[in-house]
Amino acid sequence: MSSAPRQATGAIPITVRLFFALAWLMGGWFIYDGLHQRITGDYVRINGQLGPWATLVSAIGLDPLALAWFFIILGHAFIAASFMVYLGRRWGYRLALAASALSLLYLGFGTPLALLALILLLVKPTRAYVASAEAVAQAPTQSG
């Protein structure tokens, strides 16, 4: 019996490839901005302002400057999920859905990108790719 990870059969759909790139863009930004806050004490500001997400966070009683670790973890979750979706892992697909849904609250930059990520994850080629990988992983192996 082989212990090598089993991947989906067939070509990787363009939707999975686009999600991979988008997840790295968003994940990289979240990691960069969170680390920037941890190192300098402030997030990257555009025209001296935090994004509209900070207003939303403040409205629910949280300090936007206290969310750096959350952004760092969310960024790493996106990057990990991108690899797992690429490999067709169901848990990675679920992590990608959760990270994308959470990112909808990152008003401004994050909302349209998170919406696009969700669309890429929910279209039929992506779902079929992950489902086929899951079926391959659960199929009994033949030892030769």
N, C-alpha and C. Protein backbone atom coordinates (compact mmCIF):
# COMPACT_ATOMS: atom_id res chain seq x y z
N MET A 1 0.84 -1.17 0.00
CA MET A 1 0.00 0.00 0.00
C MET A 1 0.89 1.24 0.00
N SER A 2 0.58 2.18 -0.86
CA SER A 2 1.38 3.39 -0.99
C SER A 2 0.96 4.42 0.04
N SER A 3 1.92 5.13 0.60
CA SER A 3 1.60 6.18 1.57
C SER A 3 1.65 7.57 0.93
N ALA A 4 1.89 7.63 -0.36
CA ALA A 4 1.94 8.92 -1.06
C ALA A 4 0.54 9.53 -1.11
N PRO A 5 0.43 10.87 -0.99
CA PRO A 5 -0.88 11.51 -1.08
C PRO A 5 -1.48 11.29 -2.46
N ARG A 6 -2.77 11.10 -2.48
CA ARG A 6 -3.45 10.85 -3.74
C ARG A 6 -4.17 12.12 -4.17
N GLN A 7 -4.01 12.48 -5.43
CA GLN A 7 -4.61 13.69 -5.96
C GLN A 7 -5.78 13.33 -6.85
N ALA A 8 -6.53 14.39 -7.20
CA ALA A 8 -7.65 14.23 -8.11
C ALA A 8 -7.12 13.80 -9.48
N THR A 9 -7.95 13.07 -10.18
CA THR A 9 -7.57 12.68 -11.53
C THR A 9 -7.93 13.79 -12.49
N GLY A 10 -7.21 13.89 -13.58
CA GLY A 10 -7.51 14.89 -14.60
C GLY A 10 -6.81 16.21 -14.35
N ALA A 11 -7.10 17.14 -15.24
CA ALA A 11 -6.48 18.45 -15.18
C ALA A 11 -7.07 19.28 -14.04
N ILE A 12 -6.26 20.16 -13.53
CA ILE A 12 -6.71 21.07 -12.47
C ILE A 12 -7.49 22.20 -13.13
N PRO A 13 -8.74 22.42 -12.72
CA PRO A 13 -9.57 23.45 -13.36
C PRO A 13 -8.99 24.85 -13.17
N ILE A 14 -9.30 25.72 -14.12
CA ILE A 14 -8.85 27.12 -14.04
C ILE A 14 -9.40 27.79 -12.78
N THR A 15 -10.58 27.37 -12.34
CA THR A 15 -11.16 27.98 -11.13
C THR A 15 -10.30 27.69 -9.90
N VAL A 16 -9.74 26.49 -9.85
CA VAL A 16 -8.86 26.13 -8.73
C VAL A 16 -7.56 26.93 -8.83
N ARG A 17 -7.04 27.06 -10.03
CA ARG A 17 -5.80 27.83 -10.22
C ARG A 17 -6.00 29.30 -9.87
N LEU A 18 -7.14 29.86 -10.27
CA LEU A 18 -7.43 31.26 -9.95
C LEU A 18 -7.62 31.45 -8.45
N PHE A 19 -8.31 30.49 -7.80
CA PHE A 19 -8.44 30.58 -6.35
C PHE A 19 -7.08 30.52 -5.68
N PHE A 20 -6.21 29.65 -6.17
CA PHE A 20 -4.86 29.54 -5.62
C PHE A 20 -4.16 30.89 -5.63
N ALA A 21 -4.20 31.57 -6.78
CA ALA A 21 -3.55 32.87 -6.90
C ALA A 21 -4.21 33.91 -6.01
N LEU A 22 -5.53 33.92 -5.99
CA LEU A 22 -6.27 34.89 -5.18
C LEU A 22 -6.03 34.66 -3.69
N ALA A 23 -5.98 33.41 -3.28
CA ALA A 23 -5.72 33.09 -1.87
C ALA A 23 -4.34 33.58 -1.44
N TRP A 24 -3.35 33.45 -2.34
CA TRP A 24 -2.01 33.95 -2.02
C TRP A 24 -1.98 35.47 -1.95
N LEU A 25 -2.73 36.12 -2.82
CA LEU A 25 -2.81 37.59 -2.78
C LEU A 25 -3.43 38.05 -1.46
N MET A 26 -4.58 37.50 -1.14
CA MET A 26 -5.26 37.90 0.10
C MET A 26 -4.49 37.46 1.33
N GLY A 27 -4.04 36.20 1.33
CA GLY A 27 -3.30 35.70 2.48
C GLY A 27 -2.01 36.48 2.70
N GLY A 28 -1.31 36.76 1.62
CA GLY A 28 -0.08 37.55 1.73
C GLY A 28 -0.33 38.93 2.29
N TRP A 29 -1.42 39.56 1.84
CA TRP A 29 -1.74 40.90 2.35
C TRP A 29 -2.08 40.84 3.84
N PHE A 30 -2.90 39.87 4.24
CA PHE A 30 -3.28 39.77 5.65
C PHE A 30 -2.05 39.53 6.52
N ILE A 31 -1.16 38.66 6.08
CA ILE A 31 0.06 38.39 6.85
C ILE A 31 0.92 39.65 6.91
N TYR A 32 1.12 40.30 5.77
CA TYR A 32 1.95 41.50 5.73
C TYR A 32 1.38 42.59 6.64
N ASP A 33 0.09 42.86 6.51
CA ASP A 33 -0.52 43.93 7.30
C ASP A 33 -0.51 43.59 8.79
N GLY A 34 -0.77 42.33 9.14
CA GLY A 34 -0.73 41.93 10.54
C GLY A 34 0.68 42.03 11.12
N LEU A 35 1.67 41.57 10.35
CA LEU A 35 3.06 41.68 10.82
C LEU A 35 3.50 43.14 10.90
N HIS A 36 3.05 43.95 9.96
CA HIS A 36 3.37 45.38 9.98
C HIS A 36 2.86 46.01 11.28
N GLN A 37 1.64 45.63 11.68
CA GLN A 37 1.09 46.16 12.93
C GLN A 37 1.88 45.66 14.12
N ARG A 38 2.26 44.40 14.12
CA ARG A 38 3.00 43.85 15.26
C ARG A 38 4.39 44.48 15.37
N ILE A 39 5.02 44.80 14.24
CA ILE A 39 6.38 45.34 14.25
C ILE A 39 6.39 46.85 14.49
N THR A 40 5.50 47.57 13.82
CA THR A 40 5.51 49.04 13.89
C THR A 40 4.47 49.61 14.83
N GLY A 41 3.49 48.81 15.22
CA GLY A 41 2.43 49.30 16.10
C GLY A 41 1.23 49.84 15.33
N ASP A 42 1.26 49.80 14.01
CA ASP A 42 0.13 50.29 13.21
C ASP A 42 0.05 49.51 11.91
N TYR A 43 -1.16 49.45 11.36
CA TYR A 43 -1.36 48.80 10.07
C TYR A 43 -0.89 49.72 8.95
N VAL A 44 -0.80 49.18 7.76
CA VAL A 44 -0.54 49.99 6.58
C VAL A 44 -1.76 50.88 6.38
N ARG A 45 -1.52 52.17 6.26
CA ARG A 45 -2.63 53.11 6.08
C ARG A 45 -2.56 53.72 4.68
N ILE A 46 -3.73 53.89 4.08
CA ILE A 46 -3.82 54.54 2.79
C ILE A 46 -4.40 55.93 3.02
N ASN A 47 -3.66 56.95 2.61
CA ASN A 47 -4.03 58.35 2.87
C ASN A 47 -4.25 58.60 4.36
N GLY A 48 -3.47 57.93 5.19
CA GLY A 48 -3.55 58.14 6.63
C GLY A 48 -4.72 57.46 7.31
N GLN A 49 -5.48 56.68 6.58
CA GLN A 49 -6.69 56.06 7.12
C GLN A 49 -6.60 54.54 7.07
N LEU A 50 -7.19 53.90 8.07
CA LEU A 50 -7.41 52.46 7.99
C LEU A 50 -8.59 52.23 7.05
N GLY A 51 -8.73 51.04 6.57
CA GLY A 51 -9.83 50.73 5.67
C GLY A 51 -11.17 50.76 6.39
N PRO A 52 -12.27 50.67 5.62
CA PRO A 52 -13.60 50.70 6.22
C PRO A 52 -13.86 49.55 7.19
N TRP A 53 -13.06 48.49 7.12
CA TRP A 53 -13.22 47.38 8.05
C TRP A 53 -13.03 47.84 9.49
N ALA A 54 -12.15 48.84 9.69
CA ALA A 54 -11.85 49.31 11.05
C ALA A 54 -13.08 49.95 11.69
N THR A 55 -13.89 50.63 10.89
CA THR A 55 -15.13 51.23 11.40
C THR A 55 -16.08 50.15 11.85
N LEU A 56 -16.20 49.09 11.06
CA LEU A 56 -17.07 47.96 11.42
C LEU A 56 -16.60 47.31 12.71
N VAL A 57 -15.31 47.08 12.82
CA VAL A 57 -14.75 46.45 14.02
C VAL A 57 -14.96 47.34 15.24
N SER A 58 -14.74 48.63 15.09
CA SER A 58 -14.95 49.57 16.21
C SER A 58 -16.42 49.61 16.62
N ALA A 59 -17.33 49.48 15.66
CA ALA A 59 -18.76 49.54 15.95
C ALA A 59 -19.22 48.38 16.82
N ILE A 60 -18.52 47.26 16.75
CA ILE A 60 -18.90 46.13 17.61
C ILE A 60 -18.08 46.09 18.90
N GLY A 61 -17.30 47.14 19.12
CA GLY A 61 -16.60 47.28 20.39
C GLY A 61 -15.21 46.71 20.46
N LEU A 62 -14.61 46.38 19.31
CA LEU A 62 -13.25 45.85 19.30
C LEU A 62 -12.28 46.93 18.84
N ASP A 63 -11.06 46.84 19.33
CA ASP A 63 -10.00 47.74 18.91
C ASP A 63 -9.35 47.17 17.65
N PRO A 64 -9.42 47.90 16.52
CA PRO A 64 -8.82 47.38 15.28
C PRO A 64 -7.34 47.03 15.43
N LEU A 65 -6.63 47.75 16.27
CA LEU A 65 -5.20 47.49 16.43
C LEU A 65 -4.92 46.20 17.18
N ALA A 66 -5.96 45.62 17.78
CA ALA A 66 -5.78 44.37 18.53
C ALA A 66 -6.01 43.14 17.65
N LEU A 67 -6.24 43.32 16.36
CA LEU A 67 -6.57 42.20 15.49
C LEU A 67 -5.40 41.69 14.65
N ALA A 68 -4.19 42.14 14.93
CA ALA A 68 -3.04 41.76 14.11
C ALA A 68 -2.86 40.24 14.05
N TRP A 69 -2.94 39.57 15.19
CA TRP A 69 -2.74 38.11 15.19
C TRP A 69 -3.85 37.41 14.42
N PHE A 70 -5.07 37.95 14.51
CA PHE A 70 -6.17 37.39 13.73
C PHE A 70 -5.86 37.46 12.24
N PHE A 71 -5.35 38.61 11.78
CA PHE A 71 -5.02 38.76 10.36
C PHE A 71 -3.86 37.83 9.95
N ILE A 72 -2.89 37.69 10.81
CA ILE A 72 -1.76 36.80 10.51
C ILE A 72 -2.26 35.35 10.38
N ILE A 73 -3.11 34.93 11.29
CA ILE A 73 -3.65 33.57 11.24
C ILE A 73 -4.56 33.39 10.02
N LEU A 74 -5.39 34.39 9.74
CA LEU A 74 -6.27 34.31 8.57
C LEU A 74 -5.45 34.22 7.28
N GLY A 75 -4.38 34.98 7.20
CA GLY A 75 -3.52 34.92 6.03
C GLY A 75 -2.90 33.55 5.84
N HIS A 76 -2.42 32.98 6.93
CA HIS A 76 -1.84 31.63 6.84
C HIS A 76 -2.91 30.59 6.51
N ALA A 77 -4.12 30.80 7.02
CA ALA A 77 -5.22 29.88 6.69
C ALA A 77 -5.51 29.91 5.19
N PHE A 78 -5.50 31.11 4.59
CA PHE A 78 -5.73 31.21 3.15
C PHE A 78 -4.66 30.45 2.37
N ILE A 79 -3.43 30.64 2.75
CA ILE A 79 -2.34 29.99 2.02
C ILE A 79 -2.39 28.47 2.19
N ALA A 80 -2.64 28.01 3.42
CA ALA A 80 -2.77 26.57 3.64
C ALA A 80 -3.95 26.01 2.86
N ALA A 81 -5.06 26.72 2.89
CA ALA A 81 -6.26 26.27 2.17
C ALA A 81 -6.00 26.20 0.67
N SER A 82 -5.21 27.14 0.15
CA SER A 82 -4.93 27.13 -1.29
C SER A 82 -4.22 25.84 -1.70
N PHE A 83 -3.26 25.40 -0.90
CA PHE A 83 -2.57 24.15 -1.20
C PHE A 83 -3.52 22.95 -1.10
N MET A 84 -4.34 22.96 -0.07
CA MET A 84 -5.23 21.82 0.14
C MET A 84 -6.33 21.75 -0.93
N VAL A 85 -6.84 22.89 -1.38
CA VAL A 85 -7.80 22.88 -2.48
C VAL A 85 -7.11 22.38 -3.74
N TYR A 86 -5.89 22.85 -3.97
CA TYR A 86 -5.12 22.41 -5.14
C TYR A 86 -4.92 20.89 -5.12
N LEU A 87 -4.73 20.33 -3.93
CA LEU A 87 -4.56 18.88 -3.78
C LEU A 87 -5.91 18.16 -3.70
N GLY A 88 -6.99 18.94 -3.69
CA GLY A 88 -8.32 18.35 -3.66
C GLY A 88 -8.76 17.82 -2.31
N ARG A 89 -8.28 18.40 -1.23
CA ARG A 89 -8.64 17.94 0.11
C ARG A 89 -9.92 18.64 0.58
N ARG A 90 -10.87 17.85 1.03
CA ARG A 90 -12.17 18.39 1.48
C ARG A 90 -11.99 19.37 2.64
N TRP A 91 -11.14 19.05 3.61
CA TRP A 91 -10.97 19.96 4.75
C TRP A 91 -10.35 21.29 4.31
N GLY A 92 -9.49 21.26 3.32
CA GLY A 92 -8.92 22.49 2.79
C GLY A 92 -9.96 23.33 2.08
N TYR A 93 -10.87 22.65 1.38
CA TYR A 93 -11.98 23.34 0.72
C TYR A 93 -12.85 24.04 1.76
N ARG A 94 -13.15 23.35 2.85
CA ARG A 94 -13.96 23.95 3.92
C ARG A 94 -13.23 25.12 4.59
N LEU A 95 -11.94 24.96 4.80
CA LEU A 95 -11.14 26.06 5.36
C LEU A 95 -11.15 27.25 4.41
N ALA A 96 -11.04 27.00 3.11
CA ALA A 96 -11.07 28.07 2.12
C ALA A 96 -12.41 28.79 2.15
N LEU A 97 -13.50 28.05 2.26
CA LEU A 97 -14.82 28.67 2.35
C LEU A 97 -14.93 29.55 3.59
N ALA A 98 -14.44 29.05 4.72
CA ALA A 98 -14.51 29.81 5.98
C ALA A 98 -13.65 31.07 5.91
N ALA A 99 -12.43 30.94 5.40
CA ALA A 99 -11.54 32.11 5.30
C ALA A 99 -12.12 33.15 4.35
N SER A 100 -12.69 32.70 3.25
CA SER A 100 -13.29 33.62 2.29
C SER A 100 -14.50 34.32 2.89
N ALA A 101 -15.34 33.56 3.61
CA ALA A 101 -16.52 34.16 4.23
C ALA A 101 -16.13 35.19 5.29
N LEU A 102 -15.12 34.88 6.10
CA LEU A 102 -14.65 35.84 7.09
C LEU A 102 -14.09 37.10 6.43
N SER A 103 -13.45 36.92 5.30
CA SER A 103 -12.83 38.05 4.61
C SER A 103 -13.85 38.98 3.97
N LEU A 104 -15.09 38.54 3.84
CA LEU A 104 -16.14 39.44 3.35
C LEU A 104 -16.28 40.65 4.27
N LEU A 105 -15.93 40.47 5.54
CA LEU A 105 -16.03 41.57 6.51
C LEU A 105 -14.87 42.55 6.41
N TYR A 106 -13.87 42.23 5.63
CA TYR A 106 -12.72 43.13 5.44
C TYR A 106 -13.13 44.14 4.36
N LEU A 107 -14.02 45.03 4.76
CA LEU A 107 -14.64 45.98 3.84
C LEU A 107 -13.58 46.77 3.08
N GLY A 108 -13.89 47.07 1.86
CA GLY A 108 -12.95 47.77 0.99
C GLY A 108 -12.23 46.74 0.14
N PHE A 109 -10.95 46.62 0.33
CA PHE A 109 -10.08 45.71 -0.43
C PHE A 109 -10.56 44.26 -0.37
N GLY A 110 -10.94 43.81 0.80
CA GLY A 110 -11.20 42.40 0.98
C GLY A 110 -12.53 41.89 0.48
N THR A 111 -13.56 42.70 0.54
CA THR A 111 -14.90 42.22 0.21
C THR A 111 -15.03 41.73 -1.23
N PRO A 112 -14.64 42.51 -2.25
CA PRO A 112 -14.78 41.99 -3.61
C PRO A 112 -13.87 40.79 -3.88
N LEU A 113 -12.68 40.79 -3.30
CA LEU A 113 -11.78 39.65 -3.50
C LEU A 113 -12.31 38.40 -2.80
N ALA A 114 -12.86 38.58 -1.60
CA ALA A 114 -13.44 37.44 -0.88
C ALA A 114 -14.66 36.91 -1.61
N LEU A 115 -15.46 37.79 -2.18
CA LEU A 115 -16.62 37.37 -2.95
C LEU A 115 -16.18 36.57 -4.18
N LEU A 116 -15.15 37.05 -4.85
CA LEU A 116 -14.61 36.33 -6.01
C LEU A 116 -14.07 34.96 -5.58
N ALA A 117 -13.39 34.91 -4.44
CA ALA A 117 -12.86 33.63 -3.93
C ALA A 117 -14.01 32.66 -3.66
N LEU A 118 -15.09 33.15 -3.05
CA LEU A 118 -16.23 32.29 -2.78
C LEU A 118 -16.86 31.78 -4.08
N ILE A 119 -16.98 32.66 -5.06
CA ILE A 119 -17.54 32.24 -6.35
C ILE A 119 -16.67 31.16 -6.97
N LEU A 120 -15.35 31.37 -6.96
CA LEU A 120 -14.44 30.38 -7.53
C LEU A 120 -14.54 29.04 -6.81
N LEU A 121 -14.77 29.08 -5.51
CA LEU A 121 -14.89 27.84 -4.74
C LEU A 121 -16.22 27.13 -4.98
N LEU A 122 -17.27 27.90 -5.24
CA LEU A 122 -18.61 27.33 -5.33
C LEU A 122 -19.03 26.92 -6.73
N VAL A 123 -18.26 27.30 -7.74
CA VAL A 123 -18.64 26.90 -9.10
C VAL A 123 -18.39 25.40 -9.28
N LYS A 124 -19.11 24.83 -10.24
CA LYS A 124 -19.10 23.38 -10.44
C LYS A 124 -17.72 22.78 -10.69
N PRO A 125 -16.86 23.39 -11.52
CA PRO A 125 -15.55 22.75 -11.75
C PRO A 125 -14.73 22.56 -10.47
N THR A 126 -14.77 23.54 -9.56
CA THR A 126 -14.01 23.42 -8.32
C THR A 126 -14.62 22.34 -7.43
N ARG A 127 -15.93 22.38 -7.26
CA ARG A 127 -16.60 21.38 -6.43
C ARG A 127 -16.38 19.97 -6.97
N ALA A 128 -16.47 19.81 -8.30
CA ALA A 128 -16.27 18.49 -8.90
C ALA A 128 -14.83 18.01 -8.72
N TYR A 129 -13.88 18.93 -8.83
CA TYR A 129 -12.47 18.59 -8.66
C TYR A 129 -12.21 18.08 -7.24
N VAL A 130 -12.72 18.79 -6.24
CA VAL A 130 -12.52 18.38 -4.85
C VAL A 130 -13.24 17.06 -4.58
N ALA A 131 -14.45 16.92 -5.12
CA ALA A 131 -15.20 15.67 -4.92
C ALA A 131 -14.48 14.49 -5.56
N SER A 132 -13.90 14.68 -6.75
CA SER A 132 -13.19 13.57 -7.41
C SER A 132 -11.94 13.20 -6.63
N ALA A 133 -11.27 14.18 -6.06
CA ALA A 133 -10.08 13.89 -5.26
C ALA A 133 -10.46 13.12 -4.00
N GLU A 134 -11.59 13.50 -3.42
CA GLU A 134 -12.06 12.80 -2.23
C GLU A 134 -12.40 11.35 -2.57
N ALA A 135 -13.01 11.14 -3.72
CA ALA A 135 -13.34 9.77 -4.15
C ALA A 135 -12.07 8.95 -4.40
N VAL A 136 -11.07 9.57 -5.01
CA VAL A 136 -9.81 8.88 -5.25
C VAL A 136 -9.13 8.52 -3.94
N ALA A 137 -9.18 9.44 -2.98
CA ALA A 137 -8.53 9.20 -1.69
C ALA A 137 -9.22 8.09 -0.90
N GLN A 138 -10.54 7.93 -1.09
CA GLN A 138 -11.27 6.92 -0.34
C GLN A 138 -11.29 5.56 -1.03
N ALA A 139 -10.92 5.53 -2.30
CA ALA A 139 -10.92 4.26 -3.04
C ALA A 139 -9.82 3.35 -2.50
N PRO A 140 -10.09 2.05 -2.46
CA PRO A 140 -9.04 1.13 -1.98
C PRO A 140 -7.88 1.10 -2.98
N THR A 141 -6.70 0.99 -2.44
CA THR A 141 -5.52 0.94 -3.30
C THR A 141 -5.24 -0.50 -3.70
N GLN A 142 -4.62 -0.65 -4.83
CA GLN A 142 -4.22 -1.98 -5.29
C GLN A 142 -2.73 -2.13 -5.06
N SER A 143 -2.36 -3.18 -4.40
CA SER A 143 -0.92 -3.42 -4.22
C SER A 143 -0.46 -4.40 -5.27
N GLY A 144 0.65 -4.06 -5.87
CA GLY A 144 1.09 -4.86 -6.99
C GLY A 144 2.22 -5.71 -6.62
